[in-house]
Amino acid sequence: GLCTVEGFGHSVFQVMGKHSELRLKGIRLLHSAASPAGDGTDVGGAIFAMAKTQTDLSNSSITSVKGLGIWCVQDSRVLASETALLNCGRSGLAMFGDSSARLKDCEL
């Protein structure tokens, strides 16, 4: 089975700084932050990536109870294969500011 990583803060993983990378394989990532506002707009995501970073995911599952599964800003990249971004409170994947994603055999 998958190893579970659960976090309750703004984000479980924050990938920041030019050319920083996050690689996850065989992980069940659960973001369980509460939303005092009630609508999820005050909650981050399971993964928050910014500023020319790269996130590689394979054979994983990403869930955010109230927030975003993956939140990409400022030219960050996501490469994912055989990964599920499901049951997220707001969106499985949100991209802003020239961010990109290449998904292969994924569920959204």
PDB file of N, CA and C in Angstrom:
ATOM      1  N   GLY A   1       0.809  -1.187   0.000  1.00  0.00           N
ATOM      2  CA  GLY A   1       0.000   0.000   0.000  1.00  0.00           C
ATOM      3  C   GLY A   1       0.858   1.257   0.000  1.00  0.00           C
ATOM      4  N   LEU A   2       0.174   2.365  -0.072  1.00  0.00           N
ATOM      5  CA  LEU A   2       0.840   3.664  -0.091  1.00  0.00           C
ATOM      6  C   LEU A   2       1.162   4.124   1.331  1.00  0.00           C
ATOM      7  N   CYS A   3       2.263   4.809   1.491  1.00  0.00           N
ATOM      8  CA  CYS A   3       2.627   5.463   2.745  1.00  0.00           C
ATOM      9  C   CYS A   3       1.800   6.743   2.856  1.00  0.00           C
ATOM     10  N   THR A   4       1.201   7.015   4.021  1.00  0.00           N
ATOM     11  CA  THR A   4       0.374   8.207   4.202  1.00  0.00           C
ATOM     12  C   THR A   4       1.152   9.302   4.920  1.00  0.00           C
ATOM     13  N   VAL A   5       1.097  10.512   4.354  1.00  0.00           N
ATOM     14  CA  VAL A   5       1.660  11.704   4.978  1.00  0.00           C
ATOM     15  C   VAL A   5       0.506  12.678   5.142  1.00  0.00           C
ATOM     16  N   GLU A   6       0.225  13.107   6.384  1.00  0.00           N
ATOM     17  CA  GLU A   6      -0.894  14.012   6.644  1.00  0.00           C
ATOM     18  C   GLU A   6      -0.381  15.278   7.301  1.00  0.00           C
ATOM     19  N   GLY A   7      -0.925  16.420   6.881  1.00  0.00           N
ATOM     20  CA  GLY A   7      -0.548  17.702   7.457  1.00  0.00           C
ATOM     21  C   GLY A   7      -1.757  18.582   7.682  1.00  0.00           C
ATOM     22  N   PHE A   8      -1.644  19.474   8.667  1.00  0.00           N
ATOM     23  CA  PHE A   8      -2.758  20.320   9.068  1.00  0.00           C
ATOM     24  C   PHE A   8      -2.499  21.807   8.865  1.00  0.00           C
ATOM     25  N   GLY A   9      -1.314  22.196   8.412  1.00  0.00           N
ATOM     26  CA  GLY A   9      -0.973  23.601   8.231  1.00  0.00           C
ATOM     27  C   GLY A   9      -1.455  24.149   6.898  1.00  0.00           C
ATOM     28  N   HIS A  10      -0.935  25.319   6.527  1.00  0.00           N
ATOM     29  CA  HIS A  10      -1.288  25.956   5.254  1.00  0.00           C
ATOM     30  C   HIS A  10      -1.088  24.983   4.099  1.00  0.00           C
ATOM     31  N   SER A  11       0.036  24.286   4.077  1.00  0.00           N
ATOM     32  CA  SER A  11       0.351  23.284   3.065  1.00  0.00           C
ATOM     33  C   SER A  11       1.160  22.175   3.724  1.00  0.00           C
ATOM     34  N   VAL A  12       1.073  20.968   3.165  1.00  0.00           N
ATOM     35  CA  VAL A  12       1.888  19.868   3.683  1.00  0.00           C
ATOM     36  C   VAL A  12       3.321  20.041   3.187  1.00  0.00           C
ATOM     37  N   PHE A  13       3.473  20.333   1.884  1.00  0.00           N
ATOM     38  CA  PHE A  13       4.784  20.617   1.304  1.00  0.00           C
ATOM     39  C   PHE A  13       4.759  21.983   0.640  1.00  0.00           C
ATOM     40  N   GLN A  14       5.779  22.788   0.891  1.00  0.00           N
ATOM     41  CA  GLN A  14       5.963  24.053   0.188  1.00  0.00           C
ATOM     42  C   GLN A  14       7.275  23.953  -0.573  1.00  0.00           C
ATOM     43  N   VAL A  15       7.185  24.090  -1.898  1.00  0.00           N
ATOM     44  CA  VAL A  15       8.352  23.981  -2.761  1.00  0.00           C
ATOM     45  C   VAL A  15       8.652  25.389  -3.254  1.00  0.00           C
ATOM     46  N   MET A  16       9.733  25.978  -2.760  1.00  0.00           N
ATOM     47  CA  MET A  16      10.032  27.368  -3.068  1.00  0.00           C
ATOM     48  C   MET A  16      11.511  27.536  -3.397  1.00  0.00           C
ATOM     49  N   GLY A  17      11.814  28.535  -4.179  1.00  0.00           N
ATOM     50  CA  GLY A  17      13.196  28.822  -4.535  1.00  0.00           C
ATOM     51  C   GLY A  17      13.527  28.249  -5.895  1.00  0.00           C
ATOM     52  N   LYS A  18      14.122  29.054  -6.730  1.00  0.00           N
ATOM     53  CA  LYS A  18      14.449  28.635  -8.089  1.00  0.00           C
ATOM     54  C   LYS A  18      15.120  27.270  -8.105  1.00  0.00           C
ATOM     55  N   HIS A  19      14.612  26.437  -8.987  1.00  0.00           N
ATOM     56  CA  HIS A  19      15.167  25.114  -9.270  1.00  0.00           C
ATOM     57  C   HIS A  19      15.043  24.126  -8.111  1.00  0.00           C
ATOM     58  N   SER A  20      14.230  24.427  -7.107  1.00  0.00           N
ATOM     59  CA  SER A  20      13.949  23.446  -6.059  1.00  0.00           C
ATOM     60  C   SER A  20      13.057  22.357  -6.633  1.00  0.00           C
ATOM     61  N   GLU A  21      13.167  21.143  -6.096  1.00  0.00           N
ATOM     62  CA  GLU A  21      12.377  20.019  -6.588  1.00  0.00           C
ATOM     63  C   GLU A  21      11.773  19.240  -5.433  1.00  0.00           C
ATOM     64  N   LEU A  22      10.588  18.697  -5.692  1.00  0.00           N
ATOM     65  CA  LEU A  22       9.937  17.757  -4.780  1.00  0.00           C
ATOM     66  C   LEU A  22       9.603  16.533  -5.606  1.00  0.00           C
ATOM     67  N   ARG A  23      10.008  15.352  -5.130  1.00  0.00           N
ATOM     68  CA  ARG A  23       9.708  14.092  -5.818  1.00  0.00           C
ATOM     69  C   ARG A  23       9.027  13.159  -4.835  1.00  0.00           C
ATOM     70  N   LEU A  24       7.821  12.743  -5.190  1.00  0.00           N
ATOM     71  CA  LEU A  24       7.063  11.820  -4.351  1.00  0.00           C
ATOM     72  C   LEU A  24       6.664  10.612  -5.179  1.00  0.00           C
ATOM     73  N   LYS A  25       6.870   9.431  -4.614  1.00  0.00           N
ATOM     74  CA  LYS A  25       6.499   8.190  -5.294  1.00  0.00           C
ATOM     75  C   LYS A  25       5.851   7.264  -4.269  1.00  0.00           C
ATOM     76  N   GLY A  26       4.663   6.757  -4.617  1.00  0.00           N
ATOM     77  CA  GLY A  26       3.975   5.832  -3.736  1.00  0.00           C
ATOM     78  C   GLY A  26       3.522   6.449  -2.428  1.00  0.00           C
ATOM     79  N   ILE A  27       3.045   7.691  -2.490  1.00  0.00           N
ATOM     80  CA  ILE A  27       2.632   8.448  -1.291  1.00  0.00           C
ATOM     81  C   ILE A  27       1.134   8.769  -1.350  1.00  0.00           C
ATOM     82  N   ARG A  28       0.476   8.643  -0.214  1.00  0.00           N
ATOM     83  CA  ARG A  28      -0.887   9.157  -0.044  1.00  0.00           C
ATOM     84  C   ARG A  28      -0.729  10.425   0.778  1.00  0.00           C
ATOM     85  N   LEU A  29      -0.965  11.577   0.145  1.00  0.00           N
ATOM     86  CA  LEU A  29      -0.774  12.876   0.788  1.00  0.00           C
ATOM     87  C   LEU A  29      -2.136  13.442   1.151  1.00  0.00           C
ATOM     88  N   LEU A  30      -2.365  13.692   2.436  1.00  0.00           N
ATOM     89  CA  LEU A  30      -3.652  14.183   2.924  1.00  0.00           C
ATOM     90  C   LEU A  30      -3.449  15.517   3.637  1.00  0.00           C
ATOM     91  N   HIS A  31      -4.083  16.550   3.101  1.00  0.00           N
ATOM     92  CA  HIS A  31      -4.049  17.897   3.680  1.00  0.00           C
ATOM     93  C   HIS A  31      -5.369  18.097   4.413  1.00  0.00           C
ATOM     94  N   SER A  32      -5.303  18.203   5.735  1.00  0.00           N
ATOM     95  CA  SER A  32      -6.515  18.253   6.563  1.00  0.00           C
ATOM     96  C   SER A  32      -6.722  19.576   7.278  1.00  0.00           C
ATOM     97  N   ALA A  33      -6.181  20.661   6.751  1.00  0.00           N
ATOM     98  CA  ALA A  33      -6.310  21.967   7.415  1.00  0.00           C
ATOM     99  C   ALA A  33      -7.774  22.388   7.527  1.00  0.00           C
ATOM    100  N   ALA A  34      -8.103  22.982   8.650  1.00  0.00           N
ATOM    101  CA  ALA A  34      -9.452  23.514   8.859  1.00  0.00           C
ATOM    102  C   ALA A  34      -9.595  24.847   8.135  1.00  0.00           C
ATOM    103  N   SER A  35     -10.824  25.220   7.828  1.00  0.00           N
ATOM    104  CA  SER A  35     -11.109  26.489   7.172  1.00  0.00           C
ATOM    105  C   SER A  35     -11.994  27.333   8.078  1.00  0.00           C
ATOM    106  N   PRO A  36     -11.397  28.216   8.898  1.00  0.00           N
ATOM    107  CA  PRO A  36     -12.214  29.071   9.768  1.00  0.00           C
ATOM    108  C   PRO A  36     -13.248  29.890   8.991  1.00  0.00           C
ATOM    109  N   ALA A  37     -12.914  30.295   7.748  1.00  0.00           N
ATOM    110  CA  ALA A  37     -13.870  31.050   6.934  1.00  0.00           C
ATOM    111  C   ALA A  37     -15.009  30.157   6.450  1.00  0.00           C
ATOM    112  N   GLY A  38     -14.758  28.844   6.407  1.00  0.00           N
ATOM    113  CA  GLY A  38     -15.803  27.908   6.017  1.00  0.00           C
ATOM    114  C   GLY A  38     -15.865  27.574   4.541  1.00  0.00           C
ATOM    115  N   ASP A  39     -15.206  28.361   3.685  1.00  0.00           N
ATOM    116  CA  ASP A  39     -15.312  28.113   2.242  1.00  0.00           C
ATOM    117  C   ASP A  39     -13.997  27.670   1.608  1.00  0.00           C
ATOM    118  N   GLY A  40     -12.951  27.483   2.392  1.00  0.00           N
ATOM    119  CA  GLY A  40     -11.670  27.019   1.887  1.00  0.00           C
ATOM    120  C   GLY A  40     -10.759  28.084   1.320  1.00  0.00           C
ATOM    121  N   THR A  41     -11.218  29.323   1.214  1.00  0.00           N
ATOM    122  CA  THR A  41     -10.386  30.377   0.633  1.00  0.00           C
ATOM    123  C   THR A  41      -9.225  30.784   1.547  1.00  0.00           C
ATOM    124  N   ASP A  42      -9.268  30.397   2.804  1.00  0.00           N
ATOM    125  CA  ASP A  42      -8.210  30.723   3.745  1.00  0.00           C
ATOM    126  C   ASP A  42      -7.263  29.542   3.982  1.00  0.00           C
ATOM    127  N   VAL A  43      -7.375  28.507   3.154  1.00  0.00           N
ATOM    128  CA  VAL A  43      -6.573  27.294   3.282  1.00  0.00           C
ATOM    129  C   VAL A  43      -5.690  27.163   2.046  1.00  0.00           C
ATOM    130  N   GLY A  44      -4.482  26.679   2.202  1.00  0.00           N
ATOM    131  CA  GLY A  44      -3.580  26.470   1.069  1.00  0.00           C
ATOM    132  C   GLY A  44      -3.897  25.184   0.328  1.00  0.00           C
ATOM    133  N   GLY A  45      -2.909  24.304   0.255  1.00  0.00           N
ATOM    134  CA  GLY A  45      -3.104  23.057  -0.452  1.00  0.00           C
ATOM    135  C   GLY A  45      -2.153  21.994   0.051  1.00  0.00           C
ATOM    136  N   ALA A  46      -2.332  20.790  -0.441  1.00  0.00           N
ATOM    137  CA  ALA A  46      -1.440  19.705  -0.074  1.00  0.00           C
ATOM    138  C   ALA A  46      -0.013  20.044  -0.507  1.00  0.00           C
ATOM    139  N   ILE A  47       0.125  20.555  -1.743  1.00  0.00           N
ATOM    140  CA  ILE A  47       1.432  20.984  -2.247  1.00  0.00           C
ATOM    141  C   ILE A  47       1.301  22.409  -2.770  1.00  0.00           C
ATOM    142  N   PHE A  48       2.152  23.301  -2.283  1.00  0.00           N
ATOM    143  CA  PHE A  48       2.215  24.671  -2.770  1.00  0.00           C
ATOM    144  C   PHE A  48       3.574  24.850  -3.423  1.00  0.00           C
ATOM    145  N   ALA A  49       3.602  25.106  -4.730  1.00  0.00           N
ATOM    146  CA  ALA A  49       4.856  25.221  -5.478  1.00  0.00           C
ATOM    147  C   ALA A  49       4.931  26.577  -6.151  1.00  0.00           C
ATOM    148  N   MET A  50       6.106  27.233  -6.044  1.00  0.00           N
ATOM    149  CA  MET A  50       6.250  28.541  -6.667  1.00  0.00           C
ATOM    150  C   MET A  50       7.685  28.786  -7.126  1.00  0.00           C
ATOM    151  N   ALA A  51       7.826  29.719  -8.053  1.00  0.00           N
ATOM    152  CA  ALA A  51       9.111  30.277  -8.478  1.00  0.00           C
ATOM    153  C   ALA A  51      10.035  29.266  -9.156  1.00  0.00           C
ATOM    154  N   LYS A  52       9.646  28.804 -10.324  1.00  0.00           N
ATOM    155  CA  LYS A  52      10.485  27.929 -11.161  1.00  0.00           C
ATOM    156  C   LYS A  52      10.913  26.653 -10.455  1.00  0.00           C
ATOM    157  N   THR A  53       9.985  26.058  -9.717  1.00  0.00           N
ATOM    158  CA  THR A  53      10.249  24.781  -9.060  1.00  0.00           C
ATOM    159  C   THR A  53       9.657  23.651  -9.888  1.00  0.00           C
ATOM    160  N   GLN A  54      10.019  22.428  -9.545  1.00  0.00           N
ATOM    161  CA  GLN A  54       9.446  21.272 -10.229  1.00  0.00           C
ATOM    162  C   GLN A  54       8.985  20.256  -9.199  1.00  0.00           C
ATOM    163  N   THR A  55       7.777  19.736  -9.403  1.00  0.00           N
ATOM    164  CA  THR A  55       7.214  18.697  -8.557  1.00  0.00           C
ATOM    165  C   THR A  55       6.964  17.476  -9.417  1.00  0.00           C
ATOM    166  N   ASP A  56       7.561  16.348  -9.054  1.00  0.00           N
ATOM    167  CA  ASP A  56       7.388  15.085  -9.764  1.00  0.00           C
ATOM    168  C   ASP A  56       6.604  14.127  -8.875  1.00  0.00           C
ATOM    169  N   LEU A  57       5.513  13.597  -9.399  1.00  0.00           N
ATOM    170  CA  LEU A  57       4.666  12.674  -8.649  1.00  0.00           C
ATOM    171  C   LEU A  57       4.464  11.409  -9.458  1.00  0.00           C
ATOM    172  N   SER A  58       4.540  10.260  -8.806  1.00  0.00           N
ATOM    173  CA  SER A  58       4.206   9.017  -9.489  1.00  0.00           C
ATOM    174  C   SER A  58       3.567   8.048  -8.499  1.00  0.00           C
ATOM    175  N   ASN A  59       2.556   7.343  -8.996  1.00  0.00           N
ATOM    176  CA  ASN A  59       1.859   6.330  -8.211  1.00  0.00           C
ATOM    177  C   ASN A  59       1.463   6.863  -6.833  1.00  0.00           C
ATOM    178  N   SER A  60       0.829   8.040  -6.824  1.00  0.00           N
ATOM    179  CA  SER A  60       0.473   8.695  -5.566  1.00  0.00           C
ATOM    180  C   SER A  60      -0.976   9.145  -5.561  1.00  0.00           C
ATOM    181  N   SER A  61      -1.428   9.578  -4.402  1.00  0.00           N
ATOM    182  CA  SER A  61      -2.784  10.092  -4.218  1.00  0.00           C
ATOM    183  C   SER A  61      -2.686  11.387  -3.411  1.00  0.00           C
ATOM    184  N   ILE A  62      -3.320  12.455  -3.913  1.00  0.00           N
ATOM    185  CA  ILE A  62      -3.264  13.770  -3.270  1.00  0.00           C
ATOM    186  C   ILE A  62      -4.695  14.217  -2.951  1.00  0.00           C
ATOM    187  N   THR A  63      -4.935  14.579  -1.688  1.00  0.00           N
ATOM    188  CA  THR A  63      -6.255  15.041  -1.256  1.00  0.00           C
ATOM    189  C   THR A  63      -6.090  16.239  -0.314  1.00  0.00           C
ATOM    190  N   SER A  64      -6.964  17.233  -0.475  1.00  0.00           N
ATOM    191  CA  SER A  64      -7.036  18.354   0.451  1.00  0.00           C
ATOM    192  C   SER A  64      -8.497  18.525   0.862  1.00  0.00           C
ATOM    193  N   VAL A  65      -8.781  18.297   2.129  1.00  0.00           N
ATOM    194  CA  VAL A  65     -10.165  18.303   2.599  1.00  0.00           C
ATOM    195  C   VAL A  65     -10.865  19.630   2.307  1.00  0.00           C
ATOM    196  N   LYS A  66     -10.202  20.755   2.558  1.00  0.00           N
ATOM    197  CA  LYS A  66     -10.820  22.076   2.353  1.00  0.00           C
ATOM    198  C   LYS A  66     -10.132  22.917   1.285  1.00  0.00           C
ATOM    199  N   GLY A  67      -8.913  22.581   0.895  1.00  0.00           N
ATOM    200  CA  GLY A  67      -8.138  23.436  -0.005  1.00  0.00           C
ATOM    201  C   GLY A  67      -7.884  22.831  -1.374  1.00  0.00           C
ATOM    202  N   LEU A  68      -6.701  23.142  -1.924  1.00  0.00           N
ATOM    203  CA  LEU A  68      -6.284  22.692  -3.248  1.00  0.00           C
ATOM    204  C   LEU A  68      -5.377  21.478  -3.122  1.00  0.00           C
ATOM    205  N   GLY A  69      -5.466  20.579  -4.085  1.00  0.00           N
ATOM    206  CA  GLY A  69      -4.542  19.449  -4.107  1.00  0.00           C
ATOM    207  C   GLY A  69      -3.134  19.943  -4.377  1.00  0.00           C
ATOM    208  N   ILE A  70      -2.935  20.566  -5.541  1.00  0.00           N
ATOM    209  CA  ILE A  70      -1.653  21.163  -5.902  1.00  0.00           C
ATOM    210  C   ILE A  70      -1.910  22.592  -6.347  1.00  0.00           C
ATOM    211  N   TRP A  71      -1.167  23.527  -5.784  1.00  0.00           N
ATOM    212  CA  TRP A  71      -1.313  24.956  -6.087  1.00  0.00           C
ATOM    213  C   TRP A  71       0.012  25.432  -6.654  1.00  0.00           C
ATOM    214  N   CYS A  72       0.018  25.788  -7.935  1.00  0.00           N
ATOM    215  CA  CYS A  72       1.240  26.205  -8.633  1.00  0.00           C
ATOM    216  C   CYS A  72       1.167  27.677  -9.006  1.00  0.00           C
ATOM    217  N   VAL A  73       2.240  28.406  -8.714  1.00  0.00           N
ATOM    218  CA  VAL A  73       2.330  29.814  -9.095  1.00  0.00           C
ATOM    219  C   VAL A  73       3.735  30.122  -9.599  1.00  0.00           C
ATOM    220  N   GLN A  74       3.874  31.194 -10.326  1.00  0.00           N
ATOM    221  CA  GLN A  74       5.153  31.756 -10.759  1.00  0.00           C
ATOM    222  C   GLN A  74       6.054  30.757 -11.489  1.00  0.00           C
ATOM    223  N   ASP A  75       5.537  30.194 -12.580  1.00  0.00           N
ATOM    224  CA  ASP A  75       6.360  29.375 -13.474  1.00  0.00           C
ATOM    225  C   ASP A  75       6.805  28.044 -12.869  1.00  0.00           C
ATOM    226  N   SER A  76       6.014  27.485 -11.964  1.00  0.00           N
ATOM    227  CA  SER A  76       6.348  26.168 -11.426  1.00  0.00           C
ATOM    228  C   SER A  76       5.816  25.075 -12.363  1.00  0.00           C
ATOM    229  N   ARG A  77       6.408  23.881 -12.278  1.00  0.00           N
ATOM    230  CA  ARG A  77       6.031  22.769 -13.147  1.00  0.00           C
ATOM    231  C   ARG A  77       5.651  21.548 -12.326  1.00  0.00           C
ATOM    232  N   VAL A  78       4.647  20.832 -12.826  1.00  0.00           N
ATOM    233  CA  VAL A  78       4.253  19.560 -12.233  1.00  0.00           C
ATOM    234  C   VAL A  78       4.338  18.493 -13.314  1.00  0.00           C
ATOM    235  N   LEU A  79       5.009  17.399 -13.004  1.00  0.00           N
ATOM    236  CA  LEU A  79       5.050  16.219 -13.859  1.00  0.00           C
ATOM    237  C   LEU A  79       4.478  15.084 -13.030  1.00  0.00           C
ATOM    238  N   ALA A  80       3.367  14.499 -13.485  1.00  0.00           N
ATOM    239  CA  ALA A  80       2.711  13.458 -12.698  1.00  0.00           C
ATOM    240  C   ALA A  80       2.324  12.277 -13.580  1.00  0.00           C
ATOM    241  N   SER A  81       2.492  11.090 -13.031  1.00  0.00           N
ATOM    242  CA  SER A  81       2.041   9.883 -13.710  1.00  0.00           C
ATOM    243  C   SER A  81       1.373   8.965 -12.691  1.00  0.00           C
ATOM    244  N   GLU A  82       0.290   8.335 -13.131  1.00  0.00           N
ATOM    245  CA  GLU A  82      -0.454   7.394 -12.293  1.00  0.00           C
ATOM    246  C   GLU A  82      -0.727   7.959 -10.906  1.00  0.00           C
ATOM    247  N   THR A  83      -1.213   9.202 -10.887  1.00  0.00           N
ATOM    248  CA  THR A  83      -1.486   9.909  -9.639  1.00  0.00           C
ATOM    249  C   THR A  83      -2.927  10.400  -9.632  1.00  0.00           C
ATOM    250  N   ALA A  84      -3.571  10.307  -8.476  1.00  0.00           N
ATOM    251  CA  ALA A  84      -4.952  10.764  -8.313  1.00  0.00           C
ATOM    252  C   ALA A  84      -4.972  12.065  -7.517  1.00  0.00           C
ATOM    253  N   LEU A  85      -5.654  13.078  -8.045  1.00  0.00           N
ATOM    254  CA  LEU A  85      -5.882  14.354  -7.359  1.00  0.00           C
ATOM    255  C   LEU A  85      -7.389  14.455  -7.148  1.00  0.00           C
ATOM    256  N   LEU A  86      -7.861  13.776  -6.111  1.00  0.00           N
ATOM    257  CA  LEU A  86      -9.300  13.627  -5.919  1.00  0.00           C
ATOM    258  C   LEU A  86      -9.734  14.087  -4.529  1.00  0.00           C
ATOM    259  N   ASN A  87     -11.044  14.339  -4.419  1.00  0.00           N
ATOM    260  CA  ASN A  87     -11.676  14.700  -3.145  1.00  0.00           C
ATOM    261  C   ASN A  87     -11.052  15.934  -2.503  1.00  0.00           C
ATOM    262  N   CYS A  88     -10.771  16.928  -3.324  1.00  0.00           N
ATOM    263  CA  CYS A  88     -10.229  18.193  -2.826  1.00  0.00           C
ATOM    264  C   CYS A  88     -11.362  19.189  -2.628  1.00  0.00           C
ATOM    265  N   GLY A  89     -11.271  19.955  -1.540  1.00  0.00           N
ATOM    266  CA  GLY A  89     -12.329  20.904  -1.196  1.00  0.00           C
ATOM    267  C   GLY A  89     -12.538  21.985  -2.238  1.00  0.00           C
ATOM    268  N   ARG A  90     -11.452  22.446  -2.885  1.00  0.00           N
ATOM    269  CA  ARG A  90     -11.574  23.507  -3.883  1.00  0.00           C
ATOM    270  C   ARG A  90     -11.277  23.004  -5.285  1.00  0.00           C
ATOM    271  N   SER A  91     -10.083  22.499  -5.518  1.00  0.00           N
ATOM    272  CA  SER A  91      -9.705  22.014  -6.846  1.00  0.00           C
ATOM    273  C   SER A  91      -8.527  21.058  -6.693  1.00  0.00           C
ATOM    274  N   GLY A  92      -8.449  20.072  -7.559  1.00  0.00           N
ATOM    275  CA  GLY A  92      -7.328  19.143  -7.519  1.00  0.00           C
ATOM    276  C   GLY A  92      -6.026  19.797  -7.953  1.00  0.00           C
ATOM    277  N   LEU A  93      -6.107  20.687  -8.956  1.00  0.00           N
ATOM    278  CA  LEU A  93      -4.920  21.342  -9.504  1.00  0.00           C
ATOM    279  C   LEU A  93      -5.280  22.768  -9.890  1.00  0.00           C
ATOM    280  N   ALA A  94      -4.537  23.731  -9.367  1.00  0.00           N
ATOM    281  CA  ALA A  94      -4.734  25.141  -9.708  1.00  0.00           C
ATOM    282  C   ALA A  94      -3.394  25.717 -10.139  1.00  0.00           C
ATOM    283  N   MET A  95      -3.376  26.393 -11.300  1.00  0.00           N
ATOM    284  CA  MET A  95      -2.118  26.923 -11.834  1.00  0.00           C
ATOM    285  C   MET A  95      -2.277  28.385 -12.208  1.00  0.00           C
ATOM    286  N   PHE A  96      -1.287  29.193 -11.815  1.00  0.00           N
ATOM    287  CA  PHE A  96      -1.287  30.617 -12.095  1.00  0.00           C
ATOM    288  C   PHE A  96       0.125  31.050 -12.500  1.00  0.00           C
ATOM    289  N   GLY A  97       0.228  32.157 -13.231  1.00  0.00           N
ATOM    290  CA  GLY A  97       1.506  32.779 -13.537  1.00  0.00           C
ATOM    291  C   GLY A  97       2.472  31.909 -14.319  1.00  0.00           C
ATOM    292  N   ASP A  98       2.069  31.440 -15.490  1.00  0.00           N
ATOM    293  CA  ASP A  98       2.920  30.653 -16.395  1.00  0.00           C
ATOM    294  C   ASP A  98       3.317  29.290 -15.844  1.00  0.00           C
ATOM    295  N   SER A  99       2.579  28.754 -14.918  1.00  0.00           N
ATOM    296  CA  SER A  99       2.842  27.407 -14.423  1.00  0.00           C
ATOM    297  C   SER A  99       2.353  26.389 -15.439  1.00  0.00           C
ATOM    298  N   SER A 100       2.867  25.151 -15.350  1.00  0.00           N
ATOM    299  CA  SER A 100       2.460  24.121 -16.298  1.00  0.00           C
ATOM    300  C   SER A 100       2.391  22.759 -15.620  1.00  0.00           C
ATOM    301  N   ALA A 101       1.631  21.873 -16.234  1.00  0.00           N
ATOM    302  CA  ALA A 101       1.503  20.512 -15.718  1.00  0.00           C
ATOM    303  C   ALA A 101       1.463  19.539 -16.891  1.00  0.00           C
ATOM    304  N   ARG A 102       2.166  18.434 -16.727  1.00  0.00           N
ATOM    305  CA  ARG A 102       2.107  17.340 -17.695  1.00  0.00           C
ATOM    306  C   ARG A 102       1.660  16.113 -16.911  1.00  0.00           C
ATOM    307  N   LEU A 103       0.463  15.632 -17.238  1.00  0.00           N
ATOM    308  CA  LEU A 103      -0.147  14.525 -16.505  1.00  0.00           C
ATOM    309  C   LEU A 103      -0.288  13.320 -17.428  1.00  0.00           C
ATOM    310  N   LYS A 104       0.094  12.142 -16.917  1.00  0.00           N
ATOM    311  CA  LYS A 104      -0.025  10.907 -17.697  1.00  0.00           C
ATOM    312  C   LYS A 104      -0.708   9.859 -16.827  1.00  0.00           C
ATOM    313  N   ASP A 105      -1.827   9.336 -17.315  1.00  0.00           N
ATOM    314  CA  ASP A 105      -2.581   8.313 -16.603  1.00  0.00           C
ATOM    315  C   ASP A 105      -2.947   8.752 -15.182  1.00  0.00           C
ATOM    316  N   CYS A 106      -3.434   9.992 -15.072  1.00  0.00           N
ATOM    317  CA  CYS A 106      -3.830  10.577 -13.787  1.00  0.00           C
ATOM    318  C   CYS A 106      -5.347  10.727 -13.712  1.00  0.00           C
ATOM    319  N   GLU A 107      -5.856  10.828 -12.499  1.00  0.00           N
ATOM    320  CA  GLU A 107      -7.268  11.108 -12.257  1.00  0.00           C
ATOM    321  C   GLU A 107      -7.394  12.473 -11.601  1.00  0.00           C
ATOM    322  N   LEU A 108      -8.331  13.275 -12.139  1.00  0.00           N
ATOM    323  CA  LEU A 108      -8.620  14.585 -11.542  1.00  0.00           C
ATOM    324  C   LEU A 108     -10.101  14.660 -11.225  1.00  0.00           C
TER     325      LEU A 108
END
